[in-house]
Amino acid sequence: MLAWHRFASVHILLLAARFVPCTVWADDPDDFGSDRYLCPPDTQLVRDGQCRGHCGETASSTPLQGLINQCQPVHALPVTIKTAEQQNYWLNRLASFTAFPIGIVCDESTKKYKWIDGATIEYKPDSYDAELNGECRSDVWWQLTSTGGWHWTTNSGANSYNFKMCCVADIYHPELSDDDCTDFSDDKDDSVCYQISQTLENLSDAQKICKSAGSTVSSVHNDHENSYLRRLAVSRGFTTGLMLGASVGISGKSDTFGWVDGSDWDYTNFIPGFPYDGFGDCLAMSTNDAYYQWANMECSEKLPFVCARKSGSVPAASTTCPGPAVNAGDIITSPGYPTNASIPCDFFLKVETGKKVQMEILLLEANTCCDKVQIYEGTLGGNFIASETGVVTTKTYTSPTNQMRVSWQPNGGVNVRGLKVKL
């Protein structure tokens, strides 16, 4: 919608547009918020929280360095093999290739070989060159061969090797920070923890999603916070706007804005002339300019948002299966989410007779080897609708009836978060 308005002596050109999100891979993992957990492009979450893939063919006289150059842009590393399962997984993917570089490097301080991620080489196959146990050399590269052995070859400045390459990356697992911002981004300059959304929602649904994580849609109290929220939004590719946690009427006055978290209304950064009558009772921040200014908007508009909570207020994860969900916007998580995904659970969703259940997967993080979620029409004995595994975000399913069963079926749920859905 394009509109031209005169407000006092100021002419304002107002443009309303649909927001189109995209995902951007940044250099600083702290810029991602919850994106730090997702697999890199062209990889799949396979087992124990490890993403594998981004495979291709290339040629280089220094294969390991060539492989590093291929993996670095997607924040991944050359293949490491630390278990028999990983050895068999990559051996089965060698196909007709005879050279498959693996991430064994020389530790110049100890003169011992190690994995490129710094881990000690503990697992070894039945067949490998004895040099692996001796003093390391930095002018060689190691490969997995089609017979399952690990063998080394000297780098050649003249000859170019054709080889298959793949990358791995472990799903990020949060540790308690000094400010206890587990699972959230830490501003480090205040006592607030932030998490950028993975979906676009209206204010009501955004607040439900934030509450499920023990937080609220973020308020803003100074220039620093305003700038930090904008940076989080841009790191996710949300460059055209960000919802703020404010609406008219919260303060008890029908024509006055207030923050949904109940904090003081002690800072504003409106575009000159705003808030503008008739443009809505909620607020958004512009994220595509240098001023990060605000405008009011309709509360039904769907935008990205940031959840915020005080540091040290990590909500305790429930380890029991929740009761039926019957209200639109209800958020349901697998038992133990996000720290323990090993507990199976069936969720039952129900709406009024004559309506259909629509369920959105906000986040599924499941090892494709072992864990899955299955979706059925009705309750027990209902028709099968779909099955999902791996990393899934913002995917919607609809039941032809007013009931749906969502069955979380982990087989270990190792190093993944589990399931989070919205009715």
Protein backbone atom coordinates (compact mmCIF):
# COMPACT_ATOMS: atom_id res chain seq x y z
CA MET A 1 0.00 0.00 0.00
CA LEU A 2 1.36 3.41 -0.97
CA ALA A 3 -0.08 6.52 0.73
CA TRP A 4 0.81 10.20 0.84
CA HIS A 5 -0.15 12.11 3.98
CA ARG A 6 0.32 15.60 5.35
CA PHE A 7 0.96 15.74 9.08
CA ALA A 8 1.25 19.27 10.46
CA SER A 9 3.87 20.90 8.22
CA VAL A 10 5.55 17.59 7.38
CA HIS A 11 4.79 15.58 4.23
CA ILE A 12 5.19 11.85 4.86
CA LEU A 13 5.31 9.17 2.20
CA LEU A 14 4.19 5.89 3.74
CA LEU A 15 4.84 2.55 2.12
CA ALA A 16 3.42 -0.70 3.48
CA ALA A 17 4.96 -3.84 2.02
CA ARG A 18 4.94 -7.55 2.68
CA PHE A 19 8.05 -8.67 4.55
CA VAL A 20 10.08 -11.41 2.88
CA PRO A 21 12.52 -13.14 5.26
CA CYS A 22 15.66 -15.01 4.34
CA THR A 23 18.47 -16.68 6.25
CA VAL A 24 21.97 -15.19 6.17
CA TRP A 25 25.11 -16.98 7.37
CA ALA A 26 27.21 -14.49 9.33
CA ASP A 27 30.82 -14.68 10.46
CA ASP A 28 30.01 -14.24 14.14
CA PRO A 29 27.91 -17.13 15.50
CA ASP A 30 26.59 -14.86 18.23
CA ASP A 31 24.76 -12.95 15.50
CA PHE A 32 22.45 -15.86 14.87
CA GLY A 33 20.50 -16.17 18.09
CA SER A 34 18.74 -19.51 17.70
CA ASP A 35 20.16 -19.95 14.18
CA ARG A 36 23.38 -21.12 15.77
CA TYR A 37 21.69 -24.49 16.15
CA LEU A 38 20.72 -25.07 12.52
CA CYS A 39 22.70 -27.19 10.06
CA PRO A 40 24.78 -25.39 7.39
CA PRO A 41 23.39 -25.28 3.83
CA ASP A 42 23.38 -28.57 1.89
CA THR A 43 23.94 -30.65 5.01
CA GLN A 44 21.64 -32.97 6.92
CA LEU A 45 21.34 -33.62 10.65
CA VAL A 46 22.24 -37.31 10.74
CA ARG A 47 23.22 -38.62 14.17
CA ASP A 48 24.22 -37.38 17.63
CA GLY A 49 23.63 -33.76 16.60
CA GLN A 50 26.11 -33.85 13.72
CA CYS A 51 25.29 -32.29 10.34
CA ARG A 52 26.87 -34.03 7.35
CA GLY A 53 26.99 -33.12 3.68
CA HIS A 54 27.94 -30.18 1.43
CA CYS A 55 29.58 -32.80 -0.77
CA GLY A 56 31.10 -32.35 -4.19
CA GLU A 57 34.03 -33.12 -6.42
CA THR A 58 37.12 -31.01 -6.85
CA ALA A 59 40.80 -31.17 -7.75
CA SER A 60 43.80 -29.81 -5.87
CA SER A 61 47.49 -30.48 -5.32
CA THR A 62 46.83 -30.01 -1.58
CA PRO A 63 43.50 -31.84 -1.02
CA LEU A 64 43.11 -31.07 2.68
CA GLN A 65 43.54 -27.34 2.16
CA GLY A 66 41.20 -27.53 -0.81
CA LEU A 67 38.62 -29.24 1.39
CA ILE A 68 39.04 -26.62 4.13
CA ASN A 69 38.43 -23.91 1.55
CA GLN A 70 35.21 -25.67 0.47
CA CYS A 71 33.86 -26.10 4.01
CA GLN A 72 34.77 -22.76 5.59
CA PRO A 73 32.18 -20.61 3.73
CA VAL A 74 29.35 -22.65 5.28
CA HIS A 75 30.96 -22.73 8.75
CA ALA A 76 31.81 -26.42 8.54
CA LEU A 77 34.95 -28.57 8.74
CA PRO A 78 36.44 -31.47 6.78
CA VAL A 79 35.14 -34.90 7.74
CA THR A 80 36.25 -36.27 11.10
CA ILE A 81 35.79 -39.97 11.92
CA LYS A 82 35.55 -40.66 15.64
CA THR A 83 33.33 -43.76 15.78
CA ALA A 84 32.71 -46.95 13.82
CA GLU A 85 29.31 -45.55 12.79
CA GLN A 86 30.96 -42.51 11.20
CA GLN A 87 33.55 -44.73 9.47
CA ASN A 88 30.81 -46.90 7.92
CA TYR A 89 28.68 -43.87 7.02
CA TRP A 90 31.42 -42.24 4.95
CA LEU A 91 32.73 -45.52 3.54
CA ASN A 92 29.27 -46.20 2.10
CA ARG A 93 29.38 -42.82 0.36
CA LEU A 94 32.74 -43.26 -1.33
CA ALA A 95 31.16 -44.87 -4.42
CA SER A 96 33.72 -45.00 -7.23
CA PHE A 97 36.03 -42.39 -5.74
CA THR A 98 39.44 -43.54 -4.56
CA ALA A 99 40.49 -40.37 -2.72
CA PHE A 100 38.38 -39.02 0.14
CA PRO A 101 40.34 -36.54 2.30
CA ILE A 102 39.65 -36.57 6.03
CA GLY A 103 40.43 -33.88 8.59
CA ILE A 104 43.62 -35.22 10.16
CA VAL A 105 46.18 -32.46 10.76
CA CYS A 106 49.58 -32.10 12.39
CA ASP A 107 49.75 -30.50 15.85
CA GLU A 108 53.02 -28.57 15.62
CA SER A 109 53.26 -28.22 19.41
CA THR A 110 53.04 -31.94 20.23
CA LYS A 111 54.17 -33.34 16.86
CA LYS A 112 51.18 -35.69 17.00
CA TYR A 113 48.32 -36.04 14.56
CA LYS A 114 44.91 -34.79 15.67
CA TRP A 115 41.50 -34.03 14.19
CA ILE A 116 41.03 -30.61 12.63
CA ASP A 117 38.54 -29.66 15.38
CA GLY A 118 41.27 -30.26 17.99
CA ALA A 119 40.03 -33.66 19.18
CA THR A 120 42.46 -36.48 19.91
CA ILE A 121 42.44 -39.38 17.45
CA GLU A 122 41.11 -42.23 19.57
CA TYR A 123 39.08 -44.34 17.15
CA LYS A 124 41.10 -45.98 14.36
CA PRO A 125 40.01 -48.47 11.69
CA ASP A 126 41.46 -51.96 11.33
CA SER A 127 43.75 -50.73 8.57
CA TYR A 128 45.77 -47.52 8.72
CA ASP A 129 49.31 -46.37 8.03
CA ALA A 130 51.64 -46.76 11.01
CA GLU A 131 52.79 -43.15 10.54
CA LEU A 132 49.53 -42.12 12.24
CA ASN A 133 51.10 -43.17 15.56
CA GLY A 134 54.43 -41.46 14.95
CA GLU A 135 55.71 -37.91 14.64
CA CYS A 136 53.36 -35.93 12.42
CA ARG A 137 54.16 -34.15 9.17
CA SER A 138 52.47 -31.01 7.90
CA ASP A 139 53.22 -31.73 4.22
CA VAL A 140 50.87 -34.73 3.92
CA TRP A 141 47.13 -35.34 3.70
CA TRP A 142 45.16 -38.32 4.96
CA GLN A 143 42.38 -40.10 3.12
CA LEU A 144 39.74 -42.74 3.67
CA THR A 145 40.07 -45.35 0.91
CA SER A 146 37.42 -47.61 -0.59
CA THR A 147 38.81 -50.55 1.44
CA GLY A 148 38.20 -48.67 4.71
CA GLY A 149 41.82 -47.84 5.46
CA TRP A 150 43.34 -44.49 6.38
CA HIS A 151 46.42 -43.70 4.32
CA TRP A 152 48.62 -40.67 3.87
CA THR A 153 50.00 -39.05 0.71
CA THR A 154 52.54 -36.26 0.33
CA ASN A 155 51.21 -33.00 -1.09
CA SER A 156 52.34 -32.48 -4.65
CA GLY A 157 53.03 -29.08 -6.10
CA ALA A 158 52.79 -30.42 -9.63
CA ASN A 159 50.11 -33.09 -9.64
CA SER A 160 46.46 -32.35 -9.01
CA TYR A 161 44.34 -34.94 -7.22
CA ASN A 162 40.69 -35.48 -8.11
CA PHE A 163 38.75 -36.26 -4.99
CA LYS A 164 35.31 -36.32 -3.40
CA MET A 165 34.83 -33.86 -0.56
CA CYS A 166 32.26 -33.53 2.23
CA CYS A 167 31.92 -31.40 5.34
CA VAL A 168 30.61 -31.82 8.88
CA ALA A 169 29.36 -29.45 11.57
CA ASP A 170 28.10 -30.16 15.06
CA ILE A 171 24.83 -28.58 16.15
CA TYR A 172 25.67 -25.80 18.61
CA HIS A 173 25.04 -26.82 22.22
CA PRO A 174 24.74 -23.94 24.67
CA GLU A 175 26.75 -23.72 27.86
CA LEU A 176 25.72 -21.59 30.80
CA SER A 177 27.25 -18.16 30.34
CA ASP A 178 28.19 -15.77 33.11
CA ASP A 179 24.83 -14.06 32.58
CA ASP A 180 23.04 -17.43 32.22
CA CYS A 181 21.65 -16.64 28.75
CA THR A 182 21.44 -20.32 27.83
CA ASP A 183 19.69 -20.86 24.46
CA PHE A 184 19.55 -17.06 23.95
CA SER A 185 22.00 -14.43 22.64
CA ASP A 186 23.84 -12.46 25.32
CA ASP A 187 24.20 -8.72 24.76
CA LYS A 188 26.96 -8.77 27.43
CA ASP A 189 26.33 -5.07 28.14
CA ASP A 190 23.16 -5.50 30.15
CA SER A 191 21.28 -8.16 32.10
CA VAL A 192 18.94 -9.11 29.26
CA CYS A 193 19.06 -12.21 27.03
CA TYR A 194 17.63 -12.11 23.49
CA GLN A 195 16.44 -14.60 20.87
CA ILE A 196 15.49 -13.64 17.31
CA SER A 197 12.42 -15.44 15.92
CA GLN A 198 12.45 -18.00 13.16
CA THR A 199 8.92 -17.13 12.04
CA LEU A 200 6.76 -14.10 11.28
CA GLU A 201 3.86 -13.69 13.71
CA ASN A 202 1.34 -11.13 14.90
CA LEU A 203 1.93 -9.69 18.35
CA SER A 204 -0.46 -12.06 20.13
CA ASP A 205 1.12 -15.22 18.69
CA ALA A 206 4.64 -13.82 19.09
CA GLN A 207 3.97 -13.28 22.78
CA LYS A 208 2.78 -16.90 23.16
CA ILE A 209 5.94 -18.17 21.50
CA CYS A 210 8.13 -16.02 23.74
CA LYS A 211 6.23 -17.09 26.87
CA SER A 212 6.89 -20.74 25.98
CA ALA A 213 10.60 -19.89 26.36
CA GLY A 214 10.12 -17.97 29.61
CA SER A 215 10.34 -14.58 27.92
CA THR A 216 8.30 -11.77 26.33
CA VAL A 217 8.45 -9.84 23.07
CA SER A 218 11.25 -7.35 23.64
CA SER A 219 10.85 -3.85 24.99
CA VAL A 220 13.40 -1.09 24.25
CA HIS A 221 14.77 1.37 26.82
CA ASN A 222 17.79 3.06 25.23
CA ASP A 223 19.73 3.57 22.00
CA HIS A 224 22.00 0.61 22.72
CA GLU A 225 19.11 -1.86 23.04
CA ASN A 226 17.45 -0.42 19.96
CA SER A 227 20.64 -0.91 17.93
CA TYR A 228 21.22 -4.42 19.27
CA LEU A 229 17.72 -5.59 18.31
CA ARG A 230 18.23 -4.23 14.82
CA ARG A 231 21.53 -6.13 14.53
CA LEU A 232 19.85 -9.38 15.56
CA ALA A 233 17.17 -8.85 12.93
CA VAL A 234 19.66 -8.12 10.15
CA SER A 235 21.73 -11.20 11.08
CA ARG A 236 18.66 -13.28 10.17
CA GLY A 237 18.05 -11.42 6.93
CA PHE A 238 15.10 -9.44 8.34
CA THR A 239 16.05 -6.13 6.79
CA THR A 240 12.63 -4.54 6.31
CA GLY A 241 11.16 -4.44 9.80
CA LEU A 242 10.97 -5.89 13.30
CA MET A 243 7.98 -6.12 15.66
CA LEU A 244 8.40 -4.53 19.07
CA GLY A 245 6.66 -5.71 22.24
CA ALA A 246 4.31 -2.78 22.61
CA SER A 247 0.66 -1.93 22.00
CA VAL A 248 -1.90 0.70 22.87
CA GLY A 249 -3.92 0.26 26.04
CA ILE A 250 -1.47 -1.77 28.12
CA SER A 251 -0.78 1.18 30.40
CA GLY A 252 -4.50 1.49 31.17
CA LYS A 253 -4.98 4.41 28.79
CA SER A 254 -6.73 3.63 25.52
CA ASP A 255 -4.59 6.04 23.50
CA THR A 256 -1.16 5.40 25.05
CA PHE A 257 1.47 2.81 24.16
CA GLY A 258 2.94 0.46 26.75
CA TRP A 259 5.36 -2.48 26.80
CA VAL A 260 3.89 -5.97 27.07
CA ASP A 261 6.51 -6.92 29.66
CA GLY A 262 5.17 -4.20 32.00
CA SER A 263 8.40 -2.20 32.03
CA ASP A 264 8.50 1.61 32.06
CA TRP A 265 7.82 3.53 28.85
CA ASP A 266 11.02 5.56 29.15
CA TYR A 267 12.40 5.63 25.59
CA THR A 268 11.02 6.20 22.07
CA ASN A 269 12.51 6.45 18.59
CA PHE A 270 9.57 7.23 16.32
CA ILE A 271 9.83 8.30 12.70
CA PRO A 272 8.89 12.01 12.69
CA GLY A 273 5.10 12.29 12.65
CA PHE A 274 4.46 8.87 14.19
CA PRO A 275 2.54 7.28 15.80
CA TYR A 276 0.08 8.12 13.03
CA ASP A 277 -3.69 7.92 13.59
CA GLY A 278 -5.31 5.00 11.83
CA PHE A 279 -2.15 3.01 11.25
CA GLY A 280 -2.67 0.57 14.13
CA ASP A 281 -2.04 -0.05 17.81
CA CYS A 282 1.23 -2.03 17.61
CA LEU A 283 4.82 -0.99 16.85
CA ALA A 284 7.53 -1.97 14.37
CA MET A 285 11.14 -0.89 13.94
CA SER A 286 12.65 -0.08 10.56
CA THR A 287 15.78 -2.22 10.09
CA ASN A 288 16.96 -1.13 6.63
CA ASP A 289 18.35 2.30 7.49
CA ALA A 290 20.82 3.88 9.89
CA TYR A 291 18.27 5.25 12.36
CA TYR A 292 16.25 2.16 13.42
CA GLN A 293 13.16 4.29 13.90
CA TRP A 294 9.65 3.13 14.80
CA ALA A 295 6.19 3.34 13.25
CA ASN A 296 2.83 2.10 14.46
CA MET A 297 1.11 -0.73 12.55
CA GLU A 298 -1.92 -3.00 12.74
CA CYS A 299 -1.58 -5.69 15.42
CA SER A 300 -2.70 -8.33 12.90
CA GLU A 301 0.43 -7.75 10.78
CA LYS A 302 2.98 -10.58 10.89
CA LEU A 303 6.61 -9.60 11.40
CA PRO A 304 9.81 -11.08 12.83
CA PHE A 305 10.30 -10.39 16.53
CA VAL A 306 12.79 -10.79 19.37
CA CYS A 307 12.07 -12.59 22.64
CA ALA A 308 13.79 -11.18 25.72
CA ARG A 309 14.19 -12.27 29.32
CA LYS A 310 16.27 -11.28 32.30
CA SER A 311 19.50 -13.21 32.71
CA GLY A 312 19.38 -16.00 35.22
CA SER A 313 15.70 -16.72 34.52
CA VAL A 314 16.08 -19.93 32.48
CA PRO A 315 12.70 -21.72 32.59
CA ALA A 316 12.74 -25.30 33.88
CA ALA A 317 12.07 -27.77 31.07
CA SER A 318 8.99 -29.94 31.64
CA THR A 319 9.67 -33.67 31.32
CA THR A 320 6.00 -34.66 31.09
CA CYS A 321 3.78 -34.91 28.03
CA PRO A 322 1.44 -31.89 27.81
CA GLY A 323 -2.34 -32.15 27.78
CA PRO A 324 -4.45 -31.56 24.66
CA ALA A 325 -4.08 -28.20 22.90
CA VAL A 326 -7.37 -26.55 22.03
CA ASN A 327 -6.63 -22.84 21.61
CA ALA A 328 -5.31 -21.25 18.42
CA GLY A 329 -1.75 -20.05 18.99
CA ASP A 330 -1.00 -22.63 21.72
CA ILE A 331 2.69 -23.56 21.75
CA ILE A 332 3.62 -27.17 22.54
CA THR A 333 7.10 -28.61 23.02
CA SER A 334 8.38 -32.15 23.39
CA PRO A 335 9.13 -33.13 27.01
CA GLY A 336 12.53 -31.83 28.10
CA TYR A 337 12.79 -29.27 25.27
CA PRO A 338 15.36 -27.87 24.55
CA THR A 339 17.86 -29.77 26.72
CA ASN A 340 16.52 -33.34 26.58
CA ALA A 341 14.92 -34.76 23.44
CA SER A 342 14.88 -38.42 24.50
CA ILE A 343 11.33 -38.56 25.93
CA PRO A 344 8.60 -39.76 23.51
CA CYS A 345 5.20 -38.08 23.53
CA ASP A 346 1.91 -37.94 21.62
CA PHE A 347 0.33 -34.48 21.33
CA PHE A 348 -3.42 -34.25 20.72
CA LEU A 349 -4.70 -31.12 18.98
CA LYS A 350 -8.41 -30.32 18.75
CA VAL A 351 -10.55 -27.45 17.45
CA GLU A 352 -14.28 -26.88 17.20
CA THR A 353 -16.41 -29.38 15.27
CA GLY A 354 -16.64 -28.36 11.64
CA LYS A 355 -13.18 -26.77 11.61
CA LYS A 356 -9.81 -28.25 10.64
CA VAL A 357 -6.67 -28.47 12.73
CA GLN A 358 -3.69 -26.57 11.33
CA MET A 359 -0.37 -27.27 13.00
CA GLU A 360 2.87 -25.39 12.31
CA ILE A 361 6.26 -26.92 13.11
CA LEU A 362 8.17 -23.98 14.56
CA LEU A 363 11.28 -26.11 15.03
CA LEU A 364 12.09 -29.79 14.66
CA GLU A 365 15.61 -30.89 15.48
CA ALA A 366 15.92 -34.68 15.14
CA ASN A 367 18.69 -37.05 14.10
CA THR A 368 17.66 -38.56 10.76
CA CYS A 369 19.16 -41.88 11.76
CA CYS A 370 16.96 -42.34 14.76
CA ASP A 371 14.36 -39.69 15.65
CA LYS A 372 11.17 -38.58 13.90
CA VAL A 373 7.79 -36.96 14.33
CA GLN A 374 4.71 -38.56 12.76
CA ILE A 375 1.44 -36.75 12.12
CA TYR A 376 -1.98 -38.41 12.01
CA GLU A 377 -5.56 -37.39 11.37
CA GLY A 378 -7.81 -37.72 14.43
CA THR A 379 -6.54 -39.51 17.53
CA LEU A 380 -5.43 -43.14 17.93
CA GLY A 381 -5.99 -45.17 14.77
CA GLY A 382 -6.32 -42.11 12.53
CA ASN A 383 -5.02 -41.89 8.97
CA PHE A 384 -1.32 -41.14 8.50
CA ILE A 385 -0.54 -37.62 7.19
CA ALA A 386 3.24 -37.21 7.18
CA SER A 387 6.57 -37.99 8.82
CA GLU A 388 9.41 -35.52 9.42
CA THR A 389 12.99 -35.74 10.68
CA GLY A 390 16.20 -33.70 10.56
CA VAL A 391 15.93 -29.92 10.87
CA VAL A 392 12.53 -28.48 9.94
CA THR A 393 11.25 -24.93 10.52
CA THR A 394 8.01 -23.12 9.72
CA LYS A 395 6.25 -26.03 8.00
CA THR A 396 2.47 -26.36 8.27
CA TYR A 397 0.18 -29.43 8.17
CA THR A 398 -3.63 -29.51 8.12
CA SER A 399 -5.88 -32.36 9.27
CA PRO A 400 -9.11 -32.94 7.28
CA THR A 401 -10.95 -33.24 10.59
CA ASN A 402 -11.06 -31.23 13.81
CA GLN A 403 -8.47 -33.45 15.53
CA MET A 404 -4.80 -34.25 14.96
CA ARG A 405 -2.23 -36.45 16.69
CA VAL A 406 1.44 -35.40 16.57
CA SER A 407 3.70 -38.23 17.71
CA TRP A 408 7.28 -37.39 18.76
CA GLN A 409 9.27 -40.64 18.50
CA PRO A 410 12.92 -40.25 19.48
CA ASN A 411 15.35 -43.15 19.49
CA GLY A 412 17.89 -41.56 21.79
CA GLY A 413 17.38 -37.90 20.84
CA VAL A 414 21.12 -37.37 21.28
CA ASN A 415 22.43 -33.77 21.12
CA VAL A 416 19.26 -32.34 19.56
CA ARG A 417 16.50 -30.15 20.98
CA GLY A 418 13.37 -32.00 19.89
CA LEU A 419 10.04 -30.53 18.74
CA LYS A 420 8.22 -27.21 19.05
CA VAL A 421 4.85 -26.71 17.33
CA LYS A 422 2.01 -24.20 17.25
CA LEU A 423 -1.72 -24.91 16.91
